[in-house]
Amino acid sequence: MKQNQTVTIVGVFLLLLLVFIPSVHADSGQTYEVGTDSLNVRSAPAHSAEVIGQLNDGDRVVVFDKAFGWVQTYYNGQEAWVASDYLFAANGVTSVNQKEITVIADEVRLRTGPGTQHKILGYASSGDTYTMVKTSNKWNKIMLNDGSIAWIASWLTNANGSNHPAETSENHNHAKKQSSGSLAGYNIVLDPGHGGKDPGAIGIGGTFEKGIIMDTADNVAKQLRDAGATVILTREDDYFIPLEERVRISNAYNTHAFISLHYNAYPSLAINGVSTYFHSGGDDRVLAGEVQSAIAQKVPLKNRGVMQKGYHVLRENNDLSVLIELGFITNPYDLDTVRTAEYHNNVAAGVVEGLKNYFNE
């Protein structure tokens, strides 16, 4: 009798295993590695499904099923789904969905790491195809024809729009998208300086920088939108925004360029002109040059050129960023000029042209 009970218990246990063990399909039990900075874990294979957690770059996932571009795994003991585009085999060579990417611009730099600060290994041309190994910070890690590894900016490949943006949260980089002749698809954070309790520079007759700058910012924002850009303003009226919050706003978006607008002051009435500042070299310096050149051609004020300085909104910014000083409100000629609607419109046209020249060169 005891032996029969033992057999019965074992039989029930095996039956329960058959019932409750998840079904196993192709690639079942294979381990994959997350290849992006932050990947949403969802309760079902859909972008609208509840987010129940997140995985980070390098985390490993055991795949039990695949459906419609999603893979099923387990997260904190419950069934969960993640987008398969962001998973790569643990050996770092193949993904859940083996992906070939194609370069969509000429003279695209191939680098040793995911960012413009990394060394250039070579160049790719439009139409070149590579096997993608992983993604990080909007850069794709690819395998070259000789088996070596390089990184390429994702927005210069056809992989730029293939991943659902709601599935990842990524940092930003100082690099250019494909040439298009417009600003469509670019996100520009426009930062009108000072505001509220912070008047900024104080010019002739008690003129506050914060007041003039909003007229300029409104014109710049309008012309950027007319050119196709998406514009995010750090402030839209006369209120105070801390420097840290301005940077946070920029870093929170998929920002392609951050532009801080200011007017200047100096004890000597003779000092005048327009200048554009950058913090680091490379792309920031190039953008500053393009913007300064374009504005200088459109306004009558002195061209003071491009300068390097560690302003907080530039120094702490993860994004491509410049700061423009649009004239001295302590100089009589500059002040009379910058108060006009024509000047605001010309500045806006210069900013738009500078951005176009940078992104489309």
Protein backbone atom coordinates (compact mmCIF):
# COMPACT_ATOMS: atom_id res chain seq x y z
CA MET A 1 0.00 0.00 0.00
CA LYS A 2 2.82 2.43 0.88
CA GLN A 3 4.54 1.63 -2.41
CA ASN A 4 1.35 2.34 -4.36
CA GLN A 5 1.00 5.72 -2.56
CA THR A 6 4.57 6.61 -3.49
CA VAL A 7 3.96 5.76 -7.14
CA THR A 8 0.77 7.82 -7.11
CA ILE A 9 2.51 10.88 -5.61
CA VAL A 10 5.34 10.67 -8.14
CA GLY A 11 2.82 10.39 -10.96
CA VAL A 12 0.91 13.44 -9.78
CA PHE A 13 4.17 15.40 -9.47
CA LEU A 14 5.18 14.52 -13.04
CA LEU A 15 1.72 15.47 -14.30
CA LEU A 16 2.00 18.87 -12.58
CA LEU A 17 5.37 19.42 -14.21
CA LEU A 18 3.90 18.73 -17.63
CA VAL A 19 1.04 21.13 -16.99
CA PHE A 20 2.94 24.06 -15.52
CA ILE A 21 6.33 24.08 -17.26
CA PRO A 22 6.14 26.69 -20.05
CA SER A 23 5.99 25.42 -23.60
CA VAL A 24 9.37 25.31 -25.32
CA HIS A 25 9.81 26.53 -28.91
CA ALA A 26 12.67 27.33 -31.24
CA ASP A 27 15.62 28.81 -29.35
CA SER A 28 13.90 27.87 -26.08
CA GLY A 29 16.24 28.18 -23.15
CA GLN A 30 18.86 30.03 -25.18
CA THR A 31 20.54 32.89 -23.32
CA TYR A 32 20.62 36.36 -24.84
CA GLU A 33 22.19 39.61 -23.70
CA VAL A 34 20.52 43.01 -23.56
CA GLY A 35 22.19 45.32 -26.06
CA THR A 36 20.74 48.69 -25.08
CA ASP A 37 20.99 50.92 -22.02
CA SER A 38 17.48 50.41 -20.65
CA LEU A 39 14.94 47.90 -21.98
CA ASN A 40 11.33 47.76 -20.84
CA VAL A 41 9.97 44.43 -19.57
CA ARG A 42 6.24 44.08 -20.33
CA SER A 43 3.42 41.83 -19.23
CA ALA A 44 2.45 40.92 -22.80
CA PRO A 45 4.00 41.07 -26.31
CA ALA A 46 2.76 44.58 -27.14
CA HIS A 47 4.05 48.13 -26.80
CA SER A 48 0.83 49.04 -25.00
CA ALA A 49 1.24 46.31 -22.37
CA GLU A 50 2.07 47.18 -18.76
CA VAL A 51 5.74 47.79 -17.98
CA ILE A 52 6.66 45.52 -15.08
CA GLY A 53 10.40 46.20 -14.96
CA GLN A 54 13.52 47.16 -16.85
CA LEU A 55 16.69 45.45 -17.97
CA ASN A 56 20.05 47.15 -18.46
CA ASP A 57 22.84 46.81 -21.00
CA GLY A 58 24.61 43.50 -20.44
CA ASP A 59 21.78 41.82 -18.49
CA ARG A 60 21.08 38.26 -19.61
CA VAL A 61 17.71 36.85 -20.60
CA VAL A 62 16.68 33.24 -21.13
CA VAL A 63 14.24 33.03 -24.05
CA PHE A 64 11.37 30.52 -23.93
CA ASP A 65 9.17 31.69 -26.79
CA LYS A 66 9.00 34.24 -29.62
CA ALA A 67 6.02 36.11 -31.06
CA PHE A 68 5.70 39.09 -33.40
CA GLY A 69 9.10 40.62 -32.62
CA TRP A 70 8.91 39.84 -28.89
CA VAL A 71 10.47 37.11 -26.75
CA GLN A 72 8.98 35.53 -23.67
CA THR A 73 11.06 35.13 -20.54
CA TYR A 74 10.50 35.31 -16.78
CA TYR A 75 10.97 38.39 -14.61
CA ASN A 76 10.71 38.21 -10.82
CA GLY A 77 9.00 34.86 -11.15
CA GLN A 78 6.32 35.92 -13.62
CA GLU A 79 5.98 35.52 -17.37
CA ALA A 80 7.30 38.60 -19.15
CA TRP A 81 8.01 39.87 -22.66
CA VAL A 82 10.74 42.09 -24.14
CA ALA A 83 11.34 43.45 -27.64
CA SER A 84 13.63 41.05 -29.47
CA ASP A 85 15.40 43.76 -31.49
CA TYR A 86 17.45 44.66 -28.41
CA LEU A 87 18.63 41.14 -27.55
CA PHE A 88 21.82 39.56 -28.83
CA ALA A 89 23.26 36.11 -28.30
CA ALA A 90 25.51 35.92 -25.27
CA ASN A 91 28.49 35.38 -27.57
CA GLY A 92 27.82 38.90 -28.91
CA VAL A 93 27.56 37.89 -32.55
CA THR A 94 23.95 37.12 -33.45
CA SER A 95 20.66 38.58 -32.30
CA VAL A 96 17.30 36.92 -31.71
CA ASN A 97 16.40 38.28 -35.12
CA GLN A 98 19.67 38.31 -37.07
CA LYS A 99 19.86 41.86 -38.38
CA GLU A 100 21.70 43.38 -41.29
CA ILE A 101 21.85 47.18 -41.36
CA THR A 102 22.51 49.43 -44.32
CA VAL A 103 24.35 52.75 -44.30
CA ILE A 104 22.22 55.58 -45.74
CA ALA A 105 24.81 58.37 -46.08
CA ASP A 106 28.28 58.79 -47.54
CA GLU A 107 31.54 59.17 -45.62
CA VAL A 108 30.06 57.88 -42.38
CA ARG A 109 32.68 57.46 -39.69
CA LEU A 110 33.27 54.06 -38.12
CA ARG A 111 34.55 54.42 -34.57
CA THR A 112 36.07 52.36 -31.77
CA GLY A 113 33.19 53.14 -29.39
CA PRO A 114 29.63 54.52 -29.18
CA GLY A 115 30.25 58.27 -29.44
CA THR A 116 32.04 60.94 -31.42
CA GLN A 117 34.79 61.13 -28.81
CA HIS A 118 36.06 57.70 -29.90
CA LYS A 119 38.80 57.16 -32.49
CA ILE A 120 37.85 56.87 -36.15
CA LEU A 121 38.62 53.43 -37.61
CA GLY A 122 37.48 54.13 -41.15
CA TYR A 123 34.55 55.23 -43.27
CA ALA A 124 31.41 53.66 -44.73
CA SER A 125 29.46 54.66 -47.82
CA SER A 126 25.77 54.72 -48.61
CA GLY A 127 24.59 51.19 -49.39
CA ASP A 128 27.24 49.39 -47.32
CA THR A 129 25.73 46.62 -45.18
CA TYR A 130 26.91 45.17 -41.88
CA THR A 131 25.77 42.69 -39.27
CA MET A 132 24.60 44.52 -36.15
CA VAL A 133 25.95 43.10 -32.90
CA LYS A 134 24.26 45.41 -30.37
CA THR A 135 23.07 48.97 -29.77
CA SER A 136 24.11 51.51 -27.16
CA ASN A 137 23.35 55.22 -26.79
CA LYS A 138 21.87 55.39 -30.30
CA TRP A 139 24.98 53.81 -31.77
CA ASN A 140 25.16 50.41 -33.44
CA LYS A 141 27.97 47.98 -32.82
CA ILE A 142 28.69 46.24 -36.11
CA MET A 143 30.86 43.45 -37.46
CA LEU A 144 33.04 44.46 -40.39
CA ASN A 145 33.84 42.22 -43.34
CA ASP A 146 37.15 41.16 -41.80
CA GLY A 147 35.41 40.09 -38.58
CA SER A 148 36.55 43.10 -36.57
CA ILE A 149 34.16 45.30 -34.60
CA ALA A 150 33.26 48.99 -35.06
CA TRP A 151 30.54 51.44 -34.01
CA ILE A 152 28.34 53.53 -36.30
CA ALA A 153 25.73 56.20 -35.51
CA SER A 154 22.31 54.53 -35.80
CA TRP A 155 20.70 57.60 -37.40
CA LEU A 156 23.03 57.17 -40.37
CA THR A 157 21.69 53.66 -41.00
CA ASN A 158 18.31 52.17 -41.86
CA ALA A 159 18.17 50.85 -38.27
CA ASN A 160 17.41 54.37 -37.03
CA GLY A 161 13.63 53.94 -37.16
CA SER A 162 13.35 50.17 -36.82
CA ASN A 163 13.22 50.03 -33.03
CA HIS A 164 10.17 51.19 -31.13
CA PRO A 165 11.22 54.29 -29.16
CA ALA A 166 9.02 53.43 -26.19
CA GLU A 167 11.06 50.31 -25.46
CA THR A 168 14.33 52.03 -24.62
CA SER A 169 15.66 54.96 -22.66
CA GLU A 170 18.95 56.14 -24.06
CA ASN A 171 21.57 58.90 -23.70
CA HIS A 172 22.31 61.32 -26.51
CA ASN A 173 25.34 62.00 -28.63
CA HIS A 174 26.89 64.91 -30.52
CA ALA A 175 26.55 63.61 -34.04
CA LYS A 176 24.67 64.26 -37.24
CA LYS A 177 21.73 62.57 -38.86
CA GLN A 178 21.31 61.86 -42.53
CA SER A 179 21.34 64.90 -44.78
CA SER A 180 17.82 66.03 -45.70
CA GLY A 181 18.00 69.77 -46.45
CA SER A 182 15.52 70.57 -43.69
CA LEU A 183 15.20 70.20 -39.93
CA ALA A 184 12.38 67.66 -40.06
CA GLY A 185 13.03 64.92 -37.51
CA TYR A 186 15.35 67.03 -35.35
CA ASN A 187 14.56 67.92 -31.74
CA ILE A 188 15.94 71.30 -30.72
CA VAL A 189 15.91 72.46 -27.10
CA LEU A 190 15.77 76.24 -27.01
CA ASP A 191 16.88 77.82 -23.75
CA PRO A 192 15.93 81.49 -23.19
CA GLY A 193 18.37 82.60 -20.49
CA HIS A 194 17.46 83.78 -16.99
CA GLY A 195 13.83 84.70 -16.11
CA GLY A 196 11.75 85.41 -13.03
CA LYS A 197 13.87 86.47 -10.08
CA ASP A 198 16.98 86.31 -12.29
CA PRO A 199 16.97 89.34 -14.63
CA GLY A 200 20.26 88.41 -16.30
CA ALA A 201 22.34 91.25 -17.66
CA ILE A 202 21.14 94.79 -16.88
CA GLY A 203 21.68 97.30 -19.65
CA ILE A 204 21.18 100.95 -20.41
CA GLY A 205 18.13 102.45 -18.72
CA GLY A 206 17.67 99.40 -16.52
CA THR A 207 16.89 97.13 -19.47
CA PHE A 208 16.67 93.49 -18.35
CA GLU A 209 18.17 90.75 -20.51
CA LYS A 210 15.37 88.34 -19.53
CA GLY A 211 12.75 90.51 -21.21
CA ILE A 212 14.41 90.95 -24.59
CA ILE A 213 15.42 87.31 -24.80
CA MET A 214 11.85 85.98 -24.85
CA ASP A 215 11.02 88.01 -27.97
CA THR A 216 14.07 86.52 -29.63
CA ALA A 217 13.28 82.98 -28.45
CA ASP A 218 9.70 83.15 -29.74
CA ASN A 219 10.94 84.13 -33.19
CA VAL A 220 13.63 81.45 -33.22
CA ALA A 221 11.15 78.79 -32.08
CA LYS A 222 8.68 79.75 -34.81
CA GLN A 223 11.23 79.65 -37.60
CA LEU A 224 12.66 76.35 -36.37
CA ARG A 225 9.17 74.83 -36.40
CA ASP A 226 8.54 76.26 -39.86
CA ALA A 227 11.73 74.48 -40.95
CA GLY A 228 10.33 71.17 -39.64
CA ALA A 229 12.08 70.93 -36.28
CA THR A 230 10.46 69.90 -33.02
CA VAL A 231 11.18 72.67 -30.50
CA ILE A 232 11.26 72.28 -26.72
CA LEU A 233 11.52 75.54 -24.74
CA THR A 234 13.06 75.45 -21.26
CA ARG A 235 10.80 78.37 -20.35
CA GLU A 236 7.95 80.06 -22.21
CA ASP A 237 7.38 83.08 -19.99
CA ASP A 238 9.02 85.21 -17.30
CA TYR A 239 9.72 82.64 -14.59
CA PHE A 240 12.86 81.26 -12.99
CA ILE A 241 14.38 77.98 -14.13
CA PRO A 242 17.55 76.72 -12.35
CA LEU A 243 20.51 75.87 -14.53
CA GLU A 244 20.30 72.24 -13.42
CA GLU A 245 16.69 72.02 -14.60
CA ARG A 246 17.58 73.45 -18.00
CA VAL A 247 20.17 70.72 -18.43
CA ARG A 248 17.76 68.07 -17.15
CA ILE A 249 15.18 69.12 -19.74
CA SER A 250 17.76 68.76 -22.50
CA ASN A 251 18.99 65.38 -21.28
CA ALA A 252 15.43 64.08 -20.87
CA TYR A 253 14.63 64.38 -24.57
CA ASN A 254 16.09 62.81 -27.67
CA THR A 255 17.81 66.15 -28.19
CA HIS A 256 19.80 66.79 -31.34
CA ALA A 257 20.91 70.29 -30.34
CA PHE A 258 20.59 72.54 -27.27
CA ILE A 259 20.79 76.28 -27.94
CA SER A 260 20.92 78.77 -25.09
CA LEU A 261 20.04 82.38 -26.00
CA HIS A 262 21.43 85.38 -24.12
CA TYR A 263 22.28 89.07 -24.30
CA ASN A 264 25.50 90.43 -22.83
CA ALA A 265 26.68 93.35 -20.68
CA TYR A 266 30.01 95.00 -19.96
CA PRO A 267 31.16 98.01 -17.88
CA SER A 268 32.52 99.73 -21.00
CA LEU A 269 29.85 101.10 -23.36
CA ALA A 270 32.20 100.54 -26.31
CA ILE A 271 32.11 96.74 -26.17
CA ASN A 272 29.63 95.29 -28.63
CA GLY A 273 28.85 92.39 -30.93
CA VAL A 274 27.63 88.80 -31.21
CA SER A 275 29.47 85.64 -30.15
CA THR A 276 28.75 81.93 -29.83
CA TYR A 277 30.20 79.72 -27.10
CA PHE A 278 30.93 76.00 -26.85
CA HIS A 279 32.37 73.93 -24.00
CA SER A 280 34.18 71.06 -25.68
CA GLY A 281 35.72 70.68 -29.09
CA GLY A 282 34.52 68.42 -31.86
CA ASP A 283 30.88 68.69 -32.90
CA ASP A 284 30.04 71.42 -30.35
CA ARG A 285 32.77 73.59 -31.83
CA VAL A 286 31.60 72.89 -35.37
CA LEU A 287 27.99 73.77 -34.56
CA ALA A 288 29.07 76.97 -32.82
CA GLY A 289 30.97 77.98 -35.94
CA GLU A 290 28.03 77.29 -38.25
CA VAL A 291 25.57 79.22 -36.08
CA GLN A 292 27.91 82.16 -35.51
CA SER A 293 28.72 82.43 -39.20
CA ALA A 294 25.07 82.33 -40.25
CA ILE A 295 23.94 84.92 -37.69
CA ALA A 296 26.88 87.23 -38.45
CA GLN A 297 25.83 87.34 -42.10
CA LYS A 298 22.29 88.39 -41.22
CA VAL A 299 22.69 91.00 -38.46
CA PRO A 300 24.55 94.35 -38.47
CA LEU A 301 26.31 93.82 -35.14
CA LYS A 302 30.04 93.11 -34.82
CA ASN A 303 31.07 89.49 -35.32
CA ARG A 304 33.02 88.56 -32.17
CA GLY A 305 33.49 84.98 -33.31
CA VAL A 306 33.38 81.62 -31.56
CA MET A 307 34.69 81.19 -28.03
CA GLN A 308 35.18 78.36 -25.55
CA LYS A 309 33.80 78.64 -22.03
CA GLY A 310 32.56 76.30 -19.31
CA TYR A 311 29.01 77.56 -18.86
CA HIS A 312 26.96 75.16 -16.73
CA VAL A 313 24.33 74.49 -19.42
CA LEU A 314 27.12 73.50 -21.81
CA ARG A 315 29.50 71.79 -19.39
CA GLU A 316 26.89 69.51 -17.81
CA ASN A 317 24.95 68.80 -20.98
CA ASN A 318 25.04 65.37 -22.61
CA ASP A 319 23.79 66.84 -25.87
CA LEU A 320 25.23 68.89 -28.69
CA SER A 321 25.08 72.38 -27.20
CA VAL A 322 26.01 76.02 -27.80
CA LEU A 323 25.29 79.35 -26.09
CA ILE A 324 24.78 82.52 -28.15
CA GLU A 325 25.40 86.03 -26.83
CA LEU A 326 23.32 88.14 -29.21
CA GLY A 327 24.61 91.63 -28.41
CA PHE A 328 25.54 93.95 -25.57
CA ILE A 329 22.60 95.76 -23.98
CA THR A 330 25.18 98.08 -22.39
CA ASN A 331 26.13 99.36 -25.86
CA PRO A 332 23.75 102.01 -27.27
CA TYR A 333 23.89 100.79 -30.88
CA ASP A 334 23.51 97.12 -29.95
CA LEU A 335 20.62 97.86 -27.61
CA ASP A 336 18.69 99.90 -30.18
CA THR A 337 19.23 97.16 -32.75
CA VAL A 338 18.30 94.15 -30.63
CA ARG A 339 14.99 95.72 -29.61
CA THR A 340 13.67 95.58 -33.19
CA ALA A 341 11.47 92.87 -34.68
CA GLU A 342 13.78 92.78 -37.69
CA TYR A 343 16.71 91.80 -35.50
CA HIS A 344 14.78 88.98 -33.81
CA ASN A 345 13.72 87.64 -37.20
CA ASN A 346 17.26 87.82 -38.58
CA VAL A 347 18.69 86.03 -35.55
CA ALA A 348 16.08 83.31 -35.97
CA ALA A 349 16.95 82.93 -39.64
CA GLY A 350 20.62 82.66 -38.72
CA VAL A 351 20.01 79.97 -36.11
CA VAL A 352 17.93 77.94 -38.57
CA GLU A 353 20.53 78.31 -41.31
CA GLY A 354 23.37 77.39 -38.96
CA LEU A 355 21.59 74.23 -37.82
CA LYS A 356 20.78 73.26 -41.40
CA ASN A 357 24.38 73.79 -42.44
CA TYR A 358 25.61 71.68 -39.54
CA PHE A 359 23.19 68.79 -39.89
CA ASN A 360 23.19 68.69 -43.68
CA GLU A 361 26.83 69.29 -44.58
